[in-house]
Amino acid sequence: MSTKRYTTPACMFCHRKSTLHLDPEEAAALRAGVPIQDAAPNRSAPERERIRSGIHPHCWTDAFGPTHEEENPMTDITTRAFRRFVEVFAAEDTAADLASRLSCTEIDALVDLLAAAGAEDAAACWLDHHGPADDPGDEHYLSPDVTPDSR
């Protein structure tokens, strides 16, 4: 399935925008003014808030404390593991070494995870290293005469 790249409003706390992928139905519903909970019912509340207002989940937690979901004792472990994952996979040399070996589905999942963590530059870096390795007709294919900056 093809996705639509969407840039959120700037987060009111860190003032950074996020880029994420919406499926075509979500994008069309949002353009038509459908409420976010109806346009993206399969997304979590923090994801919908990020789409609607640009507020990153970690910015929300820093400002207001943990949500009910975050009070789970496993959250601390999960959060530390998630941050470590993002730290490792946000490195450009990792993207340069691995991006060409991933399928489009795998790269989209990784890009979505990095973007959800607020690492939009790292997400774009993975796409930039993945695209040239795609075959013509693949979702992220970049012809040899197109550089990531000229898209």
N, C-alpha and C. Protein backbone atom coordinates (compact mmCIF):
# COMPACT_ATOMS: atom_id res chain seq x y z
N MET A 1 0.84 -1.17 0.00
CA MET A 1 0.00 0.00 0.00
C MET A 1 0.89 1.24 0.00
N SER A 2 0.55 2.19 -0.78
CA SER A 2 1.26 3.45 -0.87
C SER A 2 0.88 4.33 0.31
N THR A 3 1.84 5.09 0.80
CA THR A 3 1.56 6.00 1.91
C THR A 3 1.79 7.42 1.46
N LYS A 4 1.22 8.36 2.21
CA LYS A 4 1.39 9.78 1.93
C LYS A 4 2.25 10.38 3.04
N ARG A 5 3.26 11.11 2.64
CA ARG A 5 4.12 11.79 3.61
C ARG A 5 3.35 12.99 4.15
N TYR A 6 3.33 13.14 5.47
CA TYR A 6 2.59 14.22 6.12
C TYR A 6 3.52 14.93 7.10
N THR A 7 3.55 16.24 7.03
CA THR A 7 4.33 17.04 7.97
C THR A 7 3.37 17.66 8.97
N THR A 8 3.65 17.42 10.24
CA THR A 8 2.78 17.91 11.31
C THR A 8 3.03 19.39 11.57
N PRO A 9 2.11 20.02 12.31
CA PRO A 9 2.42 21.36 12.80
C PRO A 9 3.62 21.27 13.75
N ALA A 10 4.24 22.38 14.06
CA ALA A 10 5.36 22.39 15.00
C ALA A 10 4.86 22.07 16.41
N CYS A 11 5.60 21.26 17.12
CA CYS A 11 5.28 20.92 18.51
C CYS A 11 5.37 22.18 19.35
N MET A 12 4.38 22.40 20.20
CA MET A 12 4.36 23.61 21.01
C MET A 12 5.45 23.62 22.09
N PHE A 13 6.08 22.47 22.34
CA PHE A 13 7.10 22.39 23.38
C PHE A 13 8.52 22.49 22.81
N CYS A 14 8.82 21.69 21.79
CA CYS A 14 10.18 21.69 21.25
C CYS A 14 10.28 22.47 19.93
N HIS A 15 9.13 22.86 19.39
CA HIS A 15 9.04 23.67 18.17
C HIS A 15 9.54 22.95 16.92
N ARG A 16 9.61 21.60 16.97
CA ARG A 16 10.03 20.83 15.81
C ARG A 16 8.82 20.20 15.15
N LYS A 17 8.87 20.12 13.83
CA LYS A 17 7.83 19.42 13.07
C LYS A 17 8.24 17.97 12.92
N SER A 18 7.27 17.13 12.65
CA SER A 18 7.52 15.71 12.38
C SER A 18 7.04 15.39 10.98
N THR A 19 7.69 14.42 10.39
CA THR A 19 7.21 13.89 9.12
C THR A 19 6.86 12.44 9.35
N LEU A 20 5.65 12.06 8.97
CA LEU A 20 5.23 10.68 9.14
C LEU A 20 4.43 10.26 7.93
N HIS A 21 4.10 9.00 7.90
CA HIS A 21 3.38 8.44 6.76
C HIS A 21 1.93 8.14 7.15
N LEU A 22 0.99 8.58 6.32
CA LEU A 22 -0.42 8.28 6.49
C LEU A 22 -0.84 7.37 5.35
N ASP A 23 -1.76 6.46 5.64
CA ASP A 23 -2.26 5.69 4.51
C ASP A 23 -3.22 6.59 3.74
N PRO A 24 -3.50 6.28 2.48
CA PRO A 24 -4.31 7.17 1.64
C PRO A 24 -5.69 7.48 2.23
N GLU A 25 -6.30 6.50 2.90
CA GLU A 25 -7.62 6.74 3.50
C GLU A 25 -7.54 7.76 4.63
N GLU A 26 -6.50 7.65 5.48
CA GLU A 26 -6.32 8.61 6.56
C GLU A 26 -6.10 10.01 6.00
N ALA A 27 -5.23 10.12 4.99
CA ALA A 27 -4.92 11.42 4.40
C ALA A 27 -6.18 12.06 3.80
N ALA A 28 -6.96 11.28 3.07
CA ALA A 28 -8.18 11.81 2.46
C ALA A 28 -9.18 12.24 3.52
N ALA A 29 -9.34 11.44 4.57
CA ALA A 29 -10.29 11.78 5.63
C ALA A 29 -9.88 13.06 6.35
N LEU A 30 -8.60 13.21 6.64
CA LEU A 30 -8.13 14.42 7.31
C LEU A 30 -8.32 15.65 6.42
N ARG A 31 -8.03 15.52 5.12
CA ARG A 31 -8.24 16.64 4.20
C ARG A 31 -9.72 17.03 4.15
N ALA A 32 -10.60 16.04 4.32
CA ALA A 32 -12.05 16.30 4.27
C ALA A 32 -12.58 16.84 5.60
N GLY A 33 -11.71 16.98 6.60
CA GLY A 33 -12.15 17.54 7.88
C GLY A 33 -12.75 16.54 8.85
N VAL A 34 -12.54 15.25 8.59
CA VAL A 34 -13.05 14.21 9.49
C VAL A 34 -12.26 14.30 10.80
N PRO A 35 -12.92 14.21 11.97
CA PRO A 35 -12.19 14.25 13.25
C PRO A 35 -11.10 13.17 13.29
N ILE A 36 -9.99 13.49 13.91
CA ILE A 36 -8.82 12.62 13.91
C ILE A 36 -9.13 11.22 14.43
N GLN A 37 -9.96 11.11 15.47
CA GLN A 37 -10.27 9.78 16.02
C GLN A 37 -11.06 8.93 15.04
N ASP A 38 -11.77 9.56 14.10
CA ASP A 38 -12.49 8.83 13.07
C ASP A 38 -11.63 8.62 11.82
N ALA A 39 -10.76 9.57 11.54
CA ALA A 39 -9.90 9.48 10.37
C ALA A 39 -8.79 8.45 10.56
N ALA A 40 -8.33 8.29 11.79
CA ALA A 40 -7.23 7.37 12.08
C ALA A 40 -7.55 6.53 13.31
N PRO A 41 -8.63 5.73 13.27
CA PRO A 41 -9.06 5.01 14.46
C PRO A 41 -8.10 3.93 14.93
N ASN A 42 -7.22 3.46 14.07
CA ASN A 42 -6.29 2.40 14.45
C ASN A 42 -4.98 2.92 15.02
N ARG A 43 -4.85 4.21 15.08
CA ARG A 43 -3.65 4.81 15.67
C ARG A 43 -3.88 5.08 17.15
N SER A 44 -2.80 5.06 17.91
CA SER A 44 -2.89 5.33 19.34
C SER A 44 -3.22 6.81 19.58
N ALA A 45 -3.70 7.10 20.76
CA ALA A 45 -4.02 8.49 21.10
C ALA A 45 -2.79 9.40 20.96
N PRO A 46 -1.59 8.99 21.43
CA PRO A 46 -0.42 9.87 21.23
C PRO A 46 -0.09 10.09 19.75
N GLU A 47 -0.27 9.07 18.91
CA GLU A 47 -0.02 9.25 17.47
C GLU A 47 -1.02 10.23 16.87
N ARG A 48 -2.29 10.10 17.26
CA ARG A 48 -3.31 11.02 16.74
C ARG A 48 -3.04 12.44 17.21
N GLU A 49 -2.59 12.59 18.45
CA GLU A 49 -2.27 13.94 18.96
C GLU A 49 -1.11 14.53 18.17
N ARG A 50 -0.12 13.71 17.84
CA ARG A 50 1.02 14.21 17.07
C ARG A 50 0.59 14.65 15.68
N ILE A 51 -0.31 13.90 15.06
CA ILE A 51 -0.83 14.27 13.73
C ILE A 51 -1.59 15.59 13.84
N ARG A 52 -2.45 15.69 14.85
CA ARG A 52 -3.35 16.84 14.99
C ARG A 52 -2.61 18.10 15.42
N SER A 53 -1.78 18.00 16.46
CA SER A 53 -1.18 19.20 17.04
C SER A 53 0.33 19.29 16.87
N GLY A 54 0.97 18.18 16.49
CA GLY A 54 2.42 18.18 16.35
C GLY A 54 3.15 17.85 17.64
N ILE A 55 2.43 17.68 18.75
CA ILE A 55 3.08 17.40 20.03
C ILE A 55 3.62 15.97 20.04
N HIS A 56 4.93 15.84 20.28
CA HIS A 56 5.57 14.53 20.36
C HIS A 56 5.20 13.85 21.68
N PRO A 57 5.05 12.54 21.68
CA PRO A 57 4.71 11.85 22.93
C PRO A 57 5.69 12.14 24.07
N HIS A 58 6.99 12.19 23.77
CA HIS A 58 7.96 12.46 24.83
C HIS A 58 7.86 13.91 25.32
N CYS A 59 7.49 14.84 24.46
CA CYS A 59 7.30 16.23 24.89
C CYS A 59 6.09 16.33 25.82
N TRP A 60 5.03 15.59 25.48
CA TRP A 60 3.82 15.57 26.32
C TRP A 60 4.17 15.04 27.71
N THR A 61 4.91 13.94 27.75
CA THR A 61 5.29 13.34 29.04
C THR A 61 6.18 14.29 29.83
N ASP A 62 7.13 14.93 29.17
CA ASP A 62 8.01 15.88 29.86
C ASP A 62 7.21 17.04 30.46
N ALA A 63 6.18 17.48 29.75
CA ALA A 63 5.39 18.62 30.21
C ALA A 63 4.35 18.25 31.26
N PHE A 64 3.69 17.09 31.09
CA PHE A 64 2.54 16.77 31.92
C PHE A 64 2.69 15.51 32.76
N GLY A 65 3.81 14.80 32.64
CA GLY A 65 3.99 13.56 33.37
C GLY A 65 3.45 12.39 32.56
N PRO A 66 3.64 11.19 33.10
CA PRO A 66 3.22 10.00 32.36
C PRO A 66 1.70 9.90 32.25
N THR A 67 1.27 9.31 31.14
CA THR A 67 -0.15 9.03 30.97
C THR A 67 -0.46 7.75 31.72
N HIS A 68 -1.71 7.39 31.79
CA HIS A 68 -2.11 6.16 32.48
C HIS A 68 -1.38 4.96 31.88
N GLU A 69 -1.23 4.92 30.56
CA GLU A 69 -0.53 3.83 29.90
C GLU A 69 0.92 3.76 30.35
N GLU A 70 1.54 4.93 30.63
CA GLU A 70 2.95 4.98 30.99
C GLU A 70 3.21 4.60 32.44
N GLU A 71 2.18 4.40 33.23
CA GLU A 71 2.36 4.04 34.62
C GLU A 71 2.64 2.56 34.80
N ASN A 72 2.60 1.81 33.73
CA ASN A 72 2.93 0.39 33.74
C ASN A 72 4.40 0.25 34.10
N PRO A 73 4.78 -0.67 35.03
CA PRO A 73 6.19 -0.81 35.41
C PRO A 73 7.10 -1.18 34.25
N MET A 74 6.55 -1.81 33.20
CA MET A 74 7.37 -2.16 32.05
C MET A 74 7.70 -0.94 31.19
N THR A 75 7.00 0.15 31.39
CA THR A 75 7.20 1.33 30.55
C THR A 75 8.63 1.84 30.65
N ASP A 76 9.19 1.87 31.85
CA ASP A 76 10.55 2.37 32.02
C ASP A 76 11.54 1.53 31.21
N ILE A 77 11.38 0.22 31.27
CA ILE A 77 12.26 -0.67 30.52
C ILE A 77 12.04 -0.47 29.03
N THR A 78 10.79 -0.42 28.62
CA THR A 78 10.46 -0.24 27.22
C THR A 78 10.99 1.09 26.71
N THR A 79 10.82 2.14 27.47
CA THR A 79 11.28 3.47 27.08
C THR A 79 12.80 3.49 26.92
N ARG A 80 13.51 2.90 27.88
CA ARG A 80 14.98 2.86 27.78
C ARG A 80 15.42 2.08 26.54
N ALA A 81 14.77 0.94 26.30
CA ALA A 81 15.12 0.13 25.14
C ALA A 81 14.81 0.88 23.84
N PHE A 82 13.66 1.55 23.81
CA PHE A 82 13.26 2.32 22.64
C PHE A 82 14.26 3.44 22.37
N ARG A 83 14.63 4.18 23.41
CA ARG A 83 15.60 5.27 23.23
C ARG A 83 16.94 4.76 22.76
N ARG A 84 17.37 3.61 23.29
CA ARG A 84 18.64 3.02 22.86
C ARG A 84 18.56 2.60 21.38
N PHE A 85 17.45 2.01 21.00
CA PHE A 85 17.24 1.62 19.60
C PHE A 85 17.36 2.84 18.70
N VAL A 86 16.67 3.90 19.06
CA VAL A 86 16.70 5.13 18.24
C VAL A 86 18.11 5.70 18.19
N GLU A 87 18.80 5.70 19.32
CA GLU A 87 20.17 6.21 19.36
C GLU A 87 21.07 5.45 18.37
N VAL A 88 20.96 4.13 18.36
CA VAL A 88 21.80 3.32 17.48
C VAL A 88 21.40 3.48 16.03
N PHE A 89 20.10 3.45 15.74
CA PHE A 89 19.65 3.47 14.35
C PHE A 89 19.53 4.89 13.78
N ALA A 90 19.79 5.90 14.59
CA ALA A 90 19.81 7.27 14.07
C ALA A 90 21.17 7.62 13.48
N ALA A 91 22.15 6.76 13.65
CA ALA A 91 23.50 7.02 13.14
C ALA A 91 23.53 6.86 11.62
N GLU A 92 24.10 7.85 10.94
CA GLU A 92 24.12 7.82 9.48
C GLU A 92 24.91 6.64 8.94
N ASP A 93 26.00 6.26 9.62
CA ASP A 93 26.78 5.13 9.11
C ASP A 93 25.98 3.83 9.17
N THR A 94 25.10 3.70 10.15
CA THR A 94 24.24 2.52 10.22
C THR A 94 23.28 2.52 9.03
N ALA A 95 22.68 3.67 8.75
CA ALA A 95 21.77 3.78 7.60
C ALA A 95 22.51 3.48 6.30
N ALA A 96 23.71 4.03 6.16
CA ALA A 96 24.48 3.82 4.93
C ALA A 96 24.82 2.34 4.74
N ASP A 97 25.11 1.63 5.83
CA ASP A 97 25.48 0.22 5.75
C ASP A 97 24.28 -0.69 5.50
N LEU A 98 23.10 -0.34 6.03
CA LEU A 98 21.99 -1.29 6.05
C LEU A 98 20.78 -0.94 5.17
N ALA A 99 20.56 0.32 4.87
CA ALA A 99 19.31 0.74 4.22
C ALA A 99 19.07 0.04 2.89
N SER A 100 20.11 -0.18 2.14
CA SER A 100 19.94 -0.80 0.83
C SER A 100 19.55 -2.28 0.93
N ARG A 101 19.72 -2.87 2.11
CA ARG A 101 19.42 -4.29 2.30
C ARG A 101 17.99 -4.53 2.78
N LEU A 102 17.27 -3.45 3.10
CA LEU A 102 15.91 -3.58 3.62
C LEU A 102 14.88 -3.47 2.50
N SER A 103 13.76 -4.16 2.68
CA SER A 103 12.65 -4.03 1.73
C SER A 103 11.96 -2.69 1.97
N CYS A 104 11.10 -2.29 1.06
CA CYS A 104 10.35 -1.04 1.24
C CYS A 104 9.47 -1.11 2.49
N THR A 105 8.86 -2.24 2.75
CA THR A 105 8.02 -2.40 3.94
C THR A 105 8.86 -2.25 5.20
N GLU A 106 10.04 -2.86 5.21
CA GLU A 106 10.92 -2.77 6.38
C GLU A 106 11.41 -1.35 6.58
N ILE A 107 11.78 -0.67 5.49
CA ILE A 107 12.28 0.70 5.62
C ILE A 107 11.16 1.63 6.09
N ASP A 108 9.94 1.42 5.61
CA ASP A 108 8.81 2.25 6.07
C ASP A 108 8.57 2.06 7.56
N ALA A 109 8.65 0.83 8.04
CA ALA A 109 8.45 0.57 9.47
C ALA A 109 9.53 1.26 10.30
N LEU A 110 10.78 1.16 9.86
CA LEU A 110 11.88 1.80 10.58
C LEU A 110 11.76 3.32 10.54
N VAL A 111 11.43 3.85 9.38
CA VAL A 111 11.26 5.30 9.23
C VAL A 111 10.12 5.80 10.14
N ASP A 112 9.02 5.07 10.18
CA ASP A 112 7.90 5.46 11.05
C ASP A 112 8.31 5.45 12.51
N LEU A 113 9.08 4.44 12.92
CA LEU A 113 9.53 4.36 14.31
C LEU A 113 10.47 5.51 14.65
N LEU A 114 11.42 5.80 13.79
CA LEU A 114 12.34 6.91 14.04
C LEU A 114 11.59 8.24 14.08
N ALA A 115 10.66 8.43 13.16
CA ALA A 115 9.89 9.68 13.14
C ALA A 115 9.04 9.80 14.40
N ALA A 116 8.46 8.70 14.86
CA ALA A 116 7.66 8.72 16.09
C ALA A 116 8.50 9.12 17.29
N ALA A 117 9.78 8.81 17.24
CA ALA A 117 10.69 9.16 18.33
C ALA A 117 11.21 10.59 18.20
N GLY A 118 10.80 11.29 17.14
CA GLY A 118 11.27 12.66 16.94
C GLY A 118 12.58 12.74 16.17
N ALA A 119 13.03 11.62 15.61
CA ALA A 119 14.29 11.58 14.87
C ALA A 119 14.01 11.67 13.36
N GLU A 120 13.37 12.77 12.95
CA GLU A 120 12.96 12.93 11.56
C GLU A 120 14.15 12.97 10.61
N ASP A 121 15.25 13.60 11.03
CA ASP A 121 16.43 13.66 10.17
C ASP A 121 16.99 12.26 9.93
N ALA A 122 17.00 11.44 10.98
CA ALA A 122 17.48 10.06 10.83
C ALA A 122 16.55 9.28 9.91
N ALA A 123 15.24 9.49 10.05
CA ALA A 123 14.27 8.81 9.19
C ALA A 123 14.53 9.17 7.73
N ALA A 124 14.73 10.45 7.46
CA ALA A 124 15.00 10.90 6.08
C ALA A 124 16.31 10.31 5.57
N CYS A 125 17.29 10.20 6.44
CA CYS A 125 18.59 9.63 6.07
C CYS A 125 18.43 8.18 5.62
N TRP A 126 17.61 7.39 6.34
CA TRP A 126 17.38 6.00 5.95
C TRP A 126 16.73 5.93 4.57
N LEU A 127 15.75 6.80 4.33
CA LEU A 127 15.11 6.82 3.01
C LEU A 127 16.10 7.21 1.92
N ASP A 128 16.95 8.20 2.23
CA ASP A 128 17.94 8.65 1.25
C ASP A 128 18.92 7.54 0.87
N HIS A 129 19.28 6.70 1.84
CA HIS A 129 20.22 5.60 1.56
C HIS A 129 19.51 4.38 0.97
N HIS A 130 18.21 4.28 1.18
CA HIS A 130 17.45 3.14 0.66
C HIS A 130 17.04 3.35 -0.80
N GLY A 131 16.60 4.54 -1.14
CA GLY A 131 16.04 4.82 -2.46
C GLY A 131 16.92 4.44 -3.64
N PRO A 132 18.20 4.78 -3.63
CA PRO A 132 19.04 4.44 -4.78
C PRO A 132 19.18 2.93 -5.01
N ALA A 133 18.95 2.12 -3.98
CA ALA A 133 19.08 0.67 -4.14
C ALA A 133 17.78 0.02 -4.63
N ASP A 134 16.69 0.75 -4.60
CA ASP A 134 15.42 0.21 -5.08
C ASP A 134 15.45 0.02 -6.59
N ASP A 135 14.64 -0.89 -7.06
CA ASP A 135 14.51 -1.13 -8.49
C ASP A 135 13.47 -0.18 -9.08
N PRO A 136 13.55 0.14 -10.37
CA PRO A 136 12.51 0.96 -10.99
C PRO A 136 11.13 0.37 -10.69
N GLY A 137 10.21 1.20 -10.31
CA GLY A 137 8.87 0.76 -9.97
C GLY A 137 8.68 0.52 -8.48
N ASP A 138 9.78 0.38 -7.73
CA ASP A 138 9.66 0.24 -6.27
C ASP A 138 9.27 1.58 -5.66
N GLU A 139 8.69 1.53 -4.49
CA GLU A 139 8.12 2.71 -3.84
C GLU A 139 9.11 3.86 -3.65
N HIS A 140 10.35 3.56 -3.29
CA HIS A 140 11.31 4.61 -2.97
C HIS A 140 12.40 4.79 -4.03
N TYR A 141 12.18 4.20 -5.21
CA TYR A 141 13.20 4.23 -6.26
C TYR A 141 13.62 5.66 -6.59
N LEU A 142 14.94 5.83 -6.66
CA LEU A 142 15.52 7.08 -7.14
C LEU A 142 16.39 6.73 -8.34
N SER A 143 16.12 7.32 -9.48
CA SER A 143 16.96 7.04 -10.65
C SER A 143 18.34 7.59 -10.37
N PRO A 144 19.37 7.08 -11.06
CA PRO A 144 20.73 7.52 -10.79
C PRO A 144 20.95 9.02 -10.96
N ASP A 145 20.15 9.68 -11.77
CA ASP A 145 20.33 11.12 -11.99
C ASP A 145 19.57 11.97 -10.96
N VAL A 146 18.89 11.32 -9.99
CA VAL A 146 18.16 12.05 -8.96
C VAL A 146 18.87 11.84 -7.64
N THR A 147 19.21 12.93 -6.98
CA THR A 147 19.79 12.84 -5.65
C THR A 147 18.69 13.09 -4.64
N PRO A 148 18.86 12.62 -3.41
CA PRO A 148 17.83 12.86 -2.40
C PRO A 148 17.50 14.34 -2.24
N ASP A 149 18.50 15.22 -2.42
CA ASP A 149 18.24 16.66 -2.26
C ASP A 149 17.44 17.25 -3.41
N SER A 150 17.41 16.59 -4.56
CA SER A 150 16.71 17.16 -5.73
C SER A 150 15.26 16.68 -5.84
N ARG A 151 14.81 15.86 -4.88
CA ARG A 151 13.42 15.37 -4.91
C ARG A 151 12.46 16.48 -4.63
